PDB file of N, CA and C in Angstrom:
ATOM      1  N   MET A   1       4.902  -6.374  10.715  1.00  0.00           N
ATOM      2  CA  MET A   1       3.654  -6.478  10.215  1.00  0.00           C
ATOM      3  C   MET A   1       3.232  -7.736   9.305  1.00  0.00           C
ATOM      4  N   LEU A   2       4.221  -7.771   8.496  1.00  0.00           N
ATOM      5  CA  LEU A   2       4.231  -8.884   7.622  1.00  0.00           C
ATOM      6  C   LEU A   2       4.010 -10.200   8.347  1.00  0.00           C
ATOM      7  N   ILE A   3       4.514 -10.471   9.516  1.00  0.00           N
ATOM      8  CA  ILE A   3       4.495 -11.618  10.225  1.00  0.00           C
ATOM      9  C   ILE A   3       3.039 -12.008  10.745  1.00  0.00           C
ATOM     10  N   ILE A   4       2.445 -10.936  11.102  1.00  0.00           N
ATOM     11  CA  ILE A   4       1.040 -10.879  11.662  1.00  0.00           C
ATOM     12  C   ILE A   4       0.093 -11.101  10.550  1.00  0.00           C
ATOM     13  N   ILE A   5       0.220 -10.695   9.400  1.00  0.00           N
ATOM     14  CA  ILE A   5      -0.680 -11.017   8.117  1.00  0.00           C
ATOM     15  C   ILE A   5      -0.525 -12.378   7.839  1.00  0.00           C
ATOM     16  N   LEU A   6       0.931 -12.853   7.723  1.00  0.00           N
ATOM     17  CA  LEU A   6       1.141 -14.407   7.189  1.00  0.00           C
ATOM     18  C   LEU A   6       0.538 -15.361   8.201  1.00  0.00           C
ATOM     19  N   VAL A   7       0.350 -14.927   9.588  1.00  0.00           N
ATOM     20  CA  VAL A   7      -0.233 -15.834  10.449  1.00  0.00           C
ATOM     21  C   VAL A   7      -1.554 -15.751  10.262  1.00  0.00           C
ATOM     22  N   ILE A   8      -2.068 -14.702  10.014  1.00  0.00           N
ATOM     23  CA  ILE A   8      -3.511 -14.526   9.814  1.00  0.00           C
ATOM     24  C   ILE A   8      -4.033 -15.325   8.385  1.00  0.00           C
ATOM     25  N   VAL A   9      -3.132 -15.179   7.490  1.00  0.00           N
ATOM     26  CA  VAL A   9      -3.481 -15.786   6.180  1.00  0.00           C
ATOM     27  C   VAL A   9      -3.198 -17.425   6.135  1.00  0.00           C
ATOM     28  N   ILE A  10      -2.408 -17.854   7.168  1.00  0.00           N
ATOM     29  CA  ILE A  10      -2.317 -19.321   7.204  1.00  0.00           C
ATOM     30  C   ILE A  10      -3.400 -19.782   7.946  1.00  0.00           C
ATOM     31  N   ALA A  11      -3.809 -19.001   9.101  1.00  0.00           N
ATOM     32  CA  ALA A  11      -4.992 -19.518   9.842  1.00  0.00           C
ATOM     33  C   ALA A  11      -6.224 -19.483   8.862  1.00  0.00           C
ATOM     34  N   LEU A  12      -6.511 -18.661   8.139  1.00  0.00           N
ATOM     35  CA  LEU A  12      -7.575 -18.630   7.241  1.00  0.00           C
ATOM     36  C   LEU A  12      -7.542 -19.739   6.094  1.00  0.00           C
ATOM     37  N   VAL A  13      -6.267 -20.082   5.744  1.00  0.00           N
ATOM     38  CA  VAL A  13      -6.295 -21.204   4.902  1.00  0.00           C
ATOM     39  C   VAL A  13      -6.440 -22.398   5.680  1.00  0.00           C
ATOM     40  N   ALA A  14      -5.995 -22.664   6.671  1.00  0.00           N
ATOM     41  CA  ALA A  14      -6.187 -23.926   7.586  1.00  0.00           C
ATOM     42  C   ALA A  14      -7.716 -24.116   7.758  1.00  0.00           C
ATOM     43  N   TRP A  15      -8.339 -22.897   8.088  1.00  0.00           N
ATOM     44  CA  TRP A  15      -9.755 -23.134   8.461  1.00  0.00           C
ATOM     45  C   TRP A  15     -10.370 -23.444   7.269  1.00  0.00           C
ATOM     46  N   SER A  16     -10.005 -22.843   6.159  1.00  0.00           N
ATOM     47  CA  SER A  16     -10.652 -23.022   4.991  1.00  0.00           C
ATOM     48  C   SER A  16     -10.858 -24.587   4.479  1.00  0.00           C
ATOM     49  N   LEU A  17      -9.333 -25.249   4.684  1.00  0.00           N
ATOM     50  CA  LEU A  17      -9.196 -26.576   4.243  1.00  0.00           C
ATOM     51  C   LEU A  17     -10.005 -27.547   5.241  1.00  0.00           C
ATOM     52  N   GLN A  18     -10.248 -27.020   6.693  1.00  0.00           N
ATOM     53  CA  GLN A  18     -11.216 -27.779   7.412  1.00  0.00           C
ATOM     54  C   GLN A  18     -12.484 -27.824   7.271  1.00  0.00           C
ATOM     55  N   LEU A  19     -13.070 -26.424   6.839  1.00  0.00           N
ATOM     56  CA  LEU A  19     -14.393 -26.531   6.127  1.00  0.00           C
ATOM     57  C   LEU A  19     -14.629 -27.609   4.983  1.00  0.00           C
ATOM     58  N   MET A  20     -13.617 -27.409   4.299  1.00  0.00           N
ATOM     59  CA  MET A  20     -13.819 -28.158   3.003  1.00  0.00           C
ATOM     60  C   MET A  20     -13.638 -29.498   3.210  1.00  0.00           C
ATOM     61  N   GLN A  21     -13.044 -29.862   4.175  1.00  0.00           N
ATOM     62  CA  GLN A  21     -12.835 -31.479   4.541  1.00  0.00           C
ATOM     63  C   GLN A  21     -14.277 -31.805   5.118  1.00  0.00           C
ATOM     64  N   GLU A  22     -14.741 -31.062   5.942  1.00  0.00           N
ATOM     65  CA  GLU A  22     -16.189 -31.111   6.590  1.00  0.00           C
ATOM     66  C   GLU A  22     -17.149 -31.442   5.551  1.00  0.00           C
ATOM     67  N   ALA A  23     -16.971 -30.566   4.602  1.00  0.00           N
ATOM     68  CA  ALA A  23     -18.095 -30.657   3.622  1.00  0.00           C
ATOM     69  C   ALA A  23     -17.838 -31.747   2.721  1.00  0.00           C
ATOM     70  N   VAL A  24     -16.865 -32.309   2.307  1.00  0.00           N
ATOM     71  CA  VAL A  24     -16.621 -33.681   1.795  1.00  0.00           C
ATOM     72  C   VAL A  24     -17.342 -34.835   2.597  1.00  0.00           C
ATOM     73  N   GLU A  25     -16.996 -34.939   3.747  1.00  0.00           N
ATOM     74  CA  GLU A  25     -17.546 -35.825   4.736  1.00  0.00           C
ATOM     75  C   GLU A  25     -18.945 -35.852   4.852  1.00  0.00           C
ATOM     76  N   GLN A  26     -19.319 -34.446   4.908  1.00  0.00           N
ATOM     77  CA  GLN A  26     -20.813 -34.422   5.258  1.00  0.00           C
ATOM     78  C   GLN A  26     -21.733 -34.265   4.067  1.00  0.00           C
ATOM     79  N   ARG A  27     -21.085 -34.083   3.022  1.00  0.00           N
ATOM     80  CA  ARG A  27     -21.739 -33.819   1.508  1.00  0.00           C
ATOM     81  C   ARG A  27     -22.725 -32.444   1.615  1.00  0.00           C
ATOM     82  N   GLU A  28     -22.122 -31.406   2.028  1.00  0.00           N
ATOM     83  CA  GLU A  28     -22.754 -30.361   2.351  1.00  0.00           C
ATOM     84  C   GLU A  28     -22.199 -29.389   1.437  1.00  0.00           C
ATOM     85  N   PHE A  29     -23.160 -28.639   0.626  1.00  0.00           N
ATOM     86  CA  PHE A  29     -22.458 -27.585  -0.347  1.00  0.00           C
ATOM     87  C   PHE A  29     -22.194 -26.363   0.431  1.00  0.00           C
ATOM     88  N   SER A  30     -22.952 -26.052   1.539  1.00  0.00           N
ATOM     89  CA  SER A  30     -22.789 -24.550   2.093  1.00  0.00           C
ATOM     90  C   SER A  30     -21.485 -24.567   2.816  1.00  0.00           C
ATOM     91  N   LEU A  31     -21.038 -25.663   3.452  1.00  0.00           N
ATOM     92  CA  LEU A  31     -19.512 -25.686   4.018  1.00  0.00           C
ATOM     93  C   LEU A  31     -18.525 -25.621   2.852  1.00  0.00           C
ATOM     94  N   MET A  32     -18.566 -26.131   1.812  1.00  0.00           N
ATOM     95  CA  MET A  32     -17.667 -26.142   0.568  1.00  0.00           C
ATOM     96  C   MET A  32     -17.844 -24.534   0.159  1.00  0.00           C
ATOM     97  N   LEU A  33     -18.904 -23.985  -0.063  1.00  0.00           N
ATOM     98  CA  LEU A  33     -18.821 -22.626  -0.229  1.00  0.00           C
ATOM     99  C   LEU A  33     -18.210 -21.716   0.756  1.00  0.00           C
ATOM    100  N   ALA A  34     -18.334 -22.025   2.006  1.00  0.00           N
ATOM    101  CA  ALA A  34     -17.825 -21.272   3.126  1.00  0.00           C
ATOM    102  C   ALA A  34     -16.423 -21.373   2.918  1.00  0.00           C
ATOM    103  N   GLY A  35     -15.924 -22.659   3.015  1.00  0.00           N
ATOM    104  CA  GLY A  35     -14.371 -22.849   2.659  1.00  0.00           C
ATOM    105  C   GLY A  35     -13.827 -22.022   1.671  1.00  0.00           C
ATOM    106  N   THR A  36     -14.540 -21.888   0.372  1.00  0.00           N
ATOM    107  CA  THR A  36     -14.115 -21.276  -0.772  1.00  0.00           C
ATOM    108  C   THR A  36     -14.120 -19.687  -0.404  1.00  0.00           C
ATOM    109  N   LEU A  37     -14.892 -19.199   0.189  1.00  0.00           N
ATOM    110  CA  LEU A  37     -15.071 -17.986   0.584  1.00  0.00           C
ATOM    111  C   LEU A  37     -14.047 -17.421   1.547  1.00  0.00           C
ATOM    112  N   VAL A  38     -13.723 -18.442   2.548  1.00  0.00           N
ATOM    113  CA  VAL A  38     -12.526 -18.275   3.526  1.00  0.00           C
ATOM    114  C   VAL A  38     -11.204 -17.910   2.814  1.00  0.00           C
ATOM    115  N   ALA A  39     -11.024 -19.096   1.826  1.00  0.00           N
ATOM    116  CA  ALA A  39      -9.954 -19.262   0.960  1.00  0.00           C
ATOM    117  C   ALA A  39      -9.543 -17.822   0.024  1.00  0.00           C
ATOM    118  N   SER A  40     -10.446 -17.498  -0.618  1.00  0.00           N
ATOM    119  CA  SER A  40     -10.684 -16.431  -1.128  1.00  0.00           C
ATOM    120  C   SER A  40     -10.288 -14.975  -0.395  1.00  0.00           C
ATOM    121  N   SER A  41     -10.972 -14.959   0.813  1.00  0.00           N
ATOM    122  CA  SER A  41     -10.511 -13.811   1.801  1.00  0.00           C
ATOM    123  C   SER A  41      -9.153 -13.776   2.147  1.00  0.00           C
ATOM    124  N   ALA A  42      -8.522 -14.904   2.154  1.00  0.00           N
ATOM    125  CA  ALA A  42      -7.005 -14.938   2.526  1.00  0.00           C
ATOM    126  C   ALA A  42      -6.127 -14.553   1.417  1.00  0.00           C
ATOM    127  N   ALA A  43      -6.686 -14.710   0.294  1.00  0.00           N
ATOM    128  CA  ALA A  43      -5.912 -14.431  -1.069  1.00  0.00           C
ATOM    129  C   ALA A  43      -6.169 -12.881  -1.172  1.00  0.00           C
ATOM    130  N   ALA A  44      -7.029 -12.417  -0.929  1.00  0.00           N
ATOM    131  CA  ALA A  44      -7.589 -10.862  -0.978  1.00  0.00           C
ATOM    132  C   ALA A  44      -6.772 -10.196   0.062  1.00  0.00           C
ATOM    133  N   LEU A  45      -6.719 -10.686   1.085  1.00  0.00           N
ATOM    134  CA  LEU A  45      -5.885 -10.033   2.292  1.00  0.00           C
ATOM    135  C   LEU A  45      -4.307  -9.938   1.837  1.00  0.00           C
ATOM    136  N   MET A  46      -3.801 -10.921   1.090  1.00  0.00           N
ATOM    137  CA  MET A  46      -2.399 -10.899   0.612  1.00  0.00           C
ATOM    138  C   MET A  46      -2.435  -9.873  -0.530  1.00  0.00           C
ATOM    139  N   THR A  47      -3.230  -9.917  -1.359  1.00  0.00           N
ATOM    140  CA  THR A  47      -3.367  -8.818  -2.704  1.00  0.00           C
ATOM    141  C   THR A  47      -3.353  -7.642  -2.025  1.00  0.00           C
ATOM    142  N   VAL A  48      -4.184  -7.240  -1.196  1.00  0.00           N
ATOM    143  CA  VAL A  48      -4.239  -5.788  -0.630  1.00  0.00           C
ATOM    144  C   VAL A  48      -2.928  -5.364   0.057  1.00  0.00           C
ATOM    145  N   TYR A  49      -2.425  -6.520   0.938  1.00  0.00           N
ATOM    146  CA  TYR A  49      -1.133  -5.975   1.463  1.00  0.00           C
ATOM    147  C   TYR A  49      -0.196  -5.731   0.393  1.00  0.00           C
ATOM    148  N   PHE A  50      -0.025  -6.481  -0.581  1.00  0.00           N
ATOM    149  CA  PHE A  50       1.162  -6.180  -1.595  1.00  0.00           C
ATOM    150  C   PHE A  50       0.758  -5.093  -2.345  1.00  0.00           C
ATOM    151  N   LEU A  51      -0.327  -4.578  -2.656  1.00  0.00           N
ATOM    152  CA  LEU A  51      -0.742  -3.447  -3.302  1.00  0.00           C
ATOM    153  C   LEU A  51      -0.541  -2.332  -2.701  1.00  0.00           C
ATOM    154  N   MET A  52      -0.967  -2.086  -1.412  1.00  0.00           N
ATOM    155  CA  MET A  52      -0.574  -1.232  -0.390  1.00  0.00           C
ATOM    156  C   MET A  52       0.852  -0.822  -0.160  1.00  0.00           C
ATOM    157  N   GLY A  53       1.655  -1.915  -0.202  1.00  0.00           N
ATOM    158  CA  GLY A  53       3.165  -1.851  -0.017  1.00  0.00           C
ATOM    159  C   GLY A  53       3.701  -0.975  -1.116  1.00  0.00           C
ATOM    160  N   ASN A  54       3.241  -1.694  -2.365  1.00  0.00           N
ATOM    161  CA  ASN A  54       3.535  -0.983  -3.561  1.00  0.00           C
ATOM    162  C   ASN A  54       3.160   0.516  -3.451  1.00  0.00           C
ATOM    163  N   CYS A  55       1.847   0.752  -3.257  1.00  0.00           N
ATOM    164  CA  CYS A  55       1.456   2.270  -3.410  1.00  0.00           C
ATOM    165  C   CYS A  55       2.225   3.022  -2.480  1.00  0.00           C
ATOM    166  N   MET A  56       2.402   2.732  -0.959  1.00  0.00           N
ATOM    167  CA  MET A  56       3.275   3.235  -0.202  1.00  0.00           C
ATOM    168  C   MET A  56       4.597   3.642  -0.720  1.00  0.00           C
ATOM    169  N   GLY A  57       5.248   2.729  -1.218  1.00  0.00           N
ATOM    170  CA  GLY A  57       6.674   3.016  -1.607  1.00  0.00           C
ATOM    171  C   GLY A  57       6.644   4.000  -2.684  1.00  0.00           C
ATOM    172  N   HIS A  58       5.694   3.923  -3.470  1.00  0.00           N
ATOM    173  CA  HIS A  58       5.443   4.628  -4.678  1.00  0.00           C
ATOM    174  C   HIS A  58       5.352   6.303  -4.188  1.00  0.00           C
ATOM    175  N   MET A  59       4.578   6.621  -2.967  1.00  0.00           N
ATOM    176  CA  MET A  59       4.228   7.582  -2.699  1.00  0.00           C
ATOM    177  C   MET A  59       5.487   8.187  -1.909  1.00  0.00           C
ATOM    178  N   ALA A  60       6.146   7.378  -1.158  1.00  0.00           N
ATOM    179  CA  ALA A  60       7.293   8.038  -0.524  1.00  0.00           C
ATOM    180  C   ALA A  60       8.638   8.328  -1.555  1.00  0.00           C
ATOM    181  N   ARG A  61       8.558   7.662  -2.555  1.00  0.00           N
ATOM    182  CA  ARG A  61       9.582   7.951  -3.533  1.00  0.00           C
ATOM    183  C   ARG A  61       9.039   9.449  -4.128  1.00  0.00           C
ATOM    184  N   MET A  62       7.749   9.557  -4.387  1.00  0.00           N
ATOM    185  CA  MET A  62       7.169  10.759  -4.882  1.00  0.00           C
ATOM    186  C   MET A  62       7.343  11.947  -4.040  1.00  0.00           C
ATOM    187  N   SER A  63       7.303  11.641  -2.744  1.00  0.00           N
ATOM    188  CA  SER A  63       7.422  12.766  -1.624  1.00  0.00           C
ATOM    189  C   SER A  63       8.933  13.140  -1.589  1.00  0.00           C
ATOM    190  N   HIS A  64       9.723  12.243  -1.798  1.00  0.00           N
ATOM    191  CA  HIS A  64      11.166  12.416  -1.827  1.00  0.00           C
ATOM    192  C   HIS A  64      11.440  13.416  -3.164  1.00  0.00           C
ATOM    193  N   ASP A  65      11.031  13.014  -4.228  1.00  0.00           N
ATOM    194  CA  ASP A  65      11.194  13.709  -5.449  1.00  0.00           C
ATOM    195  C   ASP A  65      10.515  15.116  -5.343  1.00  0.00           C
ATOM    196  N   THR A  66       9.418  15.339  -4.841  1.00  0.00           N
ATOM    197  CA  THR A  66       8.907  16.645  -4.641  1.00  0.00           C
ATOM    198  C   THR A  66       9.610  17.426  -3.593  1.00  0.00           C
ATOM    199  N   SER A  67      10.189  16.763  -2.588  1.00  0.00           N
ATOM    200  CA  SER A  67      10.899  17.808  -1.675  1.00  0.00           C
ATOM    201  C   SER A  67      12.276  18.309  -2.513  1.00  0.00           C
ATOM    202  N   ALA A  68      12.707  17.454  -3.195  1.00  0.00           N
ATOM    203  CA  ALA A  68      13.940  17.795  -3.875  1.00  0.00           C
ATOM    204  C   ALA A  68      13.544  19.075  -4.928  1.00  0.00           C
ATOM    205  N   TYR A  69      12.195  19.034  -5.505  1.00  0.00           N
ATOM    206  CA  TYR A  69      11.891  19.962  -6.386  1.00  0.00           C
ATOM    207  C   TYR A  69      11.790  21.256  -6.075  1.00  0.00           C
ATOM    208  N   TYR A  70      11.353  21.302  -4.810  1.00  0.00           N
ATOM    209  CA  TYR A  70      10.837  22.561  -3.900  1.00  0.00           C
ATOM    210  C   TYR A  70      12.085  23.213  -3.135  1.00  0.00           C
ATOM    211  N   SER A  71      13.137  22.684  -2.994  1.00  0.00           N
ATOM    212  CA  SER A  71      14.250  22.979  -2.362  1.00  0.00           C
ATOM    213  C   SER A  71      14.796  24.331  -3.103  1.00  0.00           C
ATOM    214  N   GLN A  72      14.691  24.477  -4.202  1.00  0.00           N
ATOM    215  CA  GLN A  72      15.083  25.461  -4.945  1.00  0.00           C
ATOM    216  C   GLN A  72      13.982  26.403  -5.735  1.00  0.00           C
ATOM    217  N   PRO A  73      13.159  27.154  -4.789  1.00  0.00           N
ATOM    218  CA  PRO A  73      11.997  27.955  -5.324  1.00  0.00           C
ATOM    219  C   PRO A  73      12.511  28.817  -6.247  1.00  0.00           C
ATOM    220  N   TYR A  74      11.565  28.954  -7.412  1.00  0.00           N
ATOM    221  CA  TYR A  74      11.514  29.926  -8.380  1.00  0.00           C
ATOM    222  C   TYR A  74      12.879  30.133  -9.059  1.00  0.00           C
ATOM    223  N   GLU A  75      13.638  28.894  -9.237  1.00  0.00           N
ATOM    224  CA  GLU A  75      14.892  29.074 -10.013  1.00  0.00           C
ATOM    225  C   GLU A  75      14.721  29.195 -11.511  1.00  0.00           C
ATOM    226  N   SER A  76      13.705  28.812 -12.073  1.00  0.00           N
ATOM    227  CA  SER A  76      13.361  29.017 -13.243  1.00  0.00           C
ATOM    228  C   SER A  76      12.865  30.455 -13.901  1.00  0.00           C
ATOM    229  N   VAL A  77      12.548  31.198 -12.872  1.00  0.00           N
ATOM    230  CA  VAL A  77      12.179  32.708 -13.021  1.00  0.00           C
ATOM    231  C   VAL A  77      13.179  33.622 -12.639  1.00  0.00           C
ATOM    232  N   THR A  78      14.470  33.182 -12.310  1.00  0.00           N
ATOM    233  CA  THR A  78      15.446  34.129 -11.713  1.00  0.00           C
ATOM    234  C   THR A  78      15.850  35.061 -12.684  1.00  0.00           C
ATOM    235  N   TRP A  79      15.663  34.690 -14.003  1.00  0.00           N
ATOM    236  CA  TRP A  79      16.187  35.572 -15.107  1.00  0.00           C
ATOM    237  C   TRP A  79      15.399  36.973 -14.817  1.00  0.00           C
ATOM    238  N   SER A  80      14.137  37.021 -14.506  1.00  0.00           N
ATOM    239  CA  SER A  80      13.291  38.344 -14.581  1.00  0.00           C
ATOM    240  C   SER A  80      13.385  39.123 -13.449  1.00  0.00           C
ATOM    241  N   LEU A  81      13.982  38.610 -12.170  1.00  0.00           N
ATOM    242  CA  LEU A  81      14.068  39.197 -11.163  1.00  0.00           C
ATOM    243  C   LEU A  81      15.524  39.939 -10.811  1.00  0.00           C
ATOM    244  N   ASP A  82      15.507  41.113 -10.507  1.00  0.00           N
ATOM    245  CA  ASP A  82      17.023  41.546 -10.073  1.00  0.00           C
ATOM    246  C   ASP A  82      17.386  41.001  -8.851  1.00  0.00           C
ATOM    247  N   GLN A  83      18.663  41.448  -8.266  1.00  0.00           N
ATOM    248  CA  GLN A  83      19.295  40.536  -7.293  1.00  0.00           C
ATOM    249  C   GLN A  83      18.578  40.647  -6.051  1.00  0.00           C
ATOM    250  N   GLU A  84      18.171  41.837  -5.833  1.00  0.00           N
ATOM    251  CA  GLU A  84      17.282  42.221  -4.546  1.00  0.00           C
ATOM    252  C   GLU A  84      16.129  41.401  -4.350  1.00  0.00           C
ATOM    253  N   GLU A  85      15.173  41.512  -5.331  1.00  0.00           N
ATOM    254  CA  GLU A  85      13.946  40.645  -5.626  1.00  0.00           C
ATOM    255  C   GLU A  85      14.239  39.089  -5.505  1.00  0.00           C
ATOM    256  N   LEU A  86      15.300  38.763  -5.891  1.00  0.00           N
ATOM    257  CA  LEU A  86      15.576  37.286  -5.727  1.00  0.00           C
ATOM    258  C   LEU A  86      16.015  36.951  -4.228  1.00  0.00           C
ATOM    259  N   GLU A  87      16.708  37.917  -3.695  1.00  0.00           N
ATOM    260  CA  GLU A  87      17.193  37.716  -2.272  1.00  0.00           C
ATOM    261  C   GLU A  87      16.067  37.502  -1.389  1.00  0.00           C
ATOM    262  N   GLU A  88      15.082  38.419  -1.525  1.00  0.00           N
ATOM    263  CA  GLU A  88      13.684  38.564  -0.944  1.00  0.00           C
ATOM    264  C   GLU A  88      12.911  37.353  -1.060  1.00  0.00           C
ATOM    265  N   ALA A  89      12.752  36.912  -2.225  1.00  0.00           N
ATOM    266  CA  ALA A  89      12.165  35.637  -2.564  1.00  0.00           C
ATOM    267  C   ALA A  89      12.793  34.483  -1.915  1.00  0.00           C
ATOM    268  N   GLN A  90      14.188  34.393  -2.010  1.00  0.00           N
ATOM    269  CA  GLN A  90      14.796  33.182  -1.494  1.00  0.00           C
ATOM    270  C   GLN A  90      14.455  33.260   0.136  1.00  0.00           C
ATOM    271  N   ALA A  91      14.685  34.365   0.723  1.00  0.00           N
ATOM    272  CA  ALA A  91      14.499  34.628   2.221  1.00  0.00           C
ATOM    273  C   ALA A  91      12.998  34.130   2.613  1.00  0.00           C
ATOM    274  N   TYR A  92      12.044  34.493   1.963  1.00  0.00           N
ATOM    275  CA  TYR A  92      10.449  34.253   2.041  1.00  0.00           C
ATOM    276  C   TYR A  92      10.388  32.810   2.101  1.00  0.00           C
ATOM    277  N   TYR A  93      10.925  31.933   1.395  1.00  0.00           N
ATOM    278  CA  TYR A  93      10.563  30.520   1.178  1.00  0.00           C
ATOM    279  C   TYR A  93      11.848  29.513   1.813  1.00  0.00           C
ATOM    280  N   ARG A  94      12.556  30.154   2.602  1.00  0.00           N
ATOM    281  CA  ARG A  94      13.509  29.537   3.474  1.00  0.00           C
ATOM    282  C   ARG A  94      12.841  29.259   5.085  1.00  0.00           C
TER     283      ARG A  94
END
């Protein structure tokens, strides 16, 4: 997936440079503005990619930590249950 995004970003930057070169040759502000917007969209695409990668990594770690937390249900309240109730609770949550 990273390769595809890098190819898209490189194409956007190349297009941006081409627009800006045309803007200098023709002395047109609108082409310079278009080139700037295309370059900023390439930067935004990379920013979103890295932010989503960090977010997904954080969510995967959080999911792993949560599953480890719920693997032993009601361990903190076992002192208030007798053995039979404890076995019923453990059988229910397995």
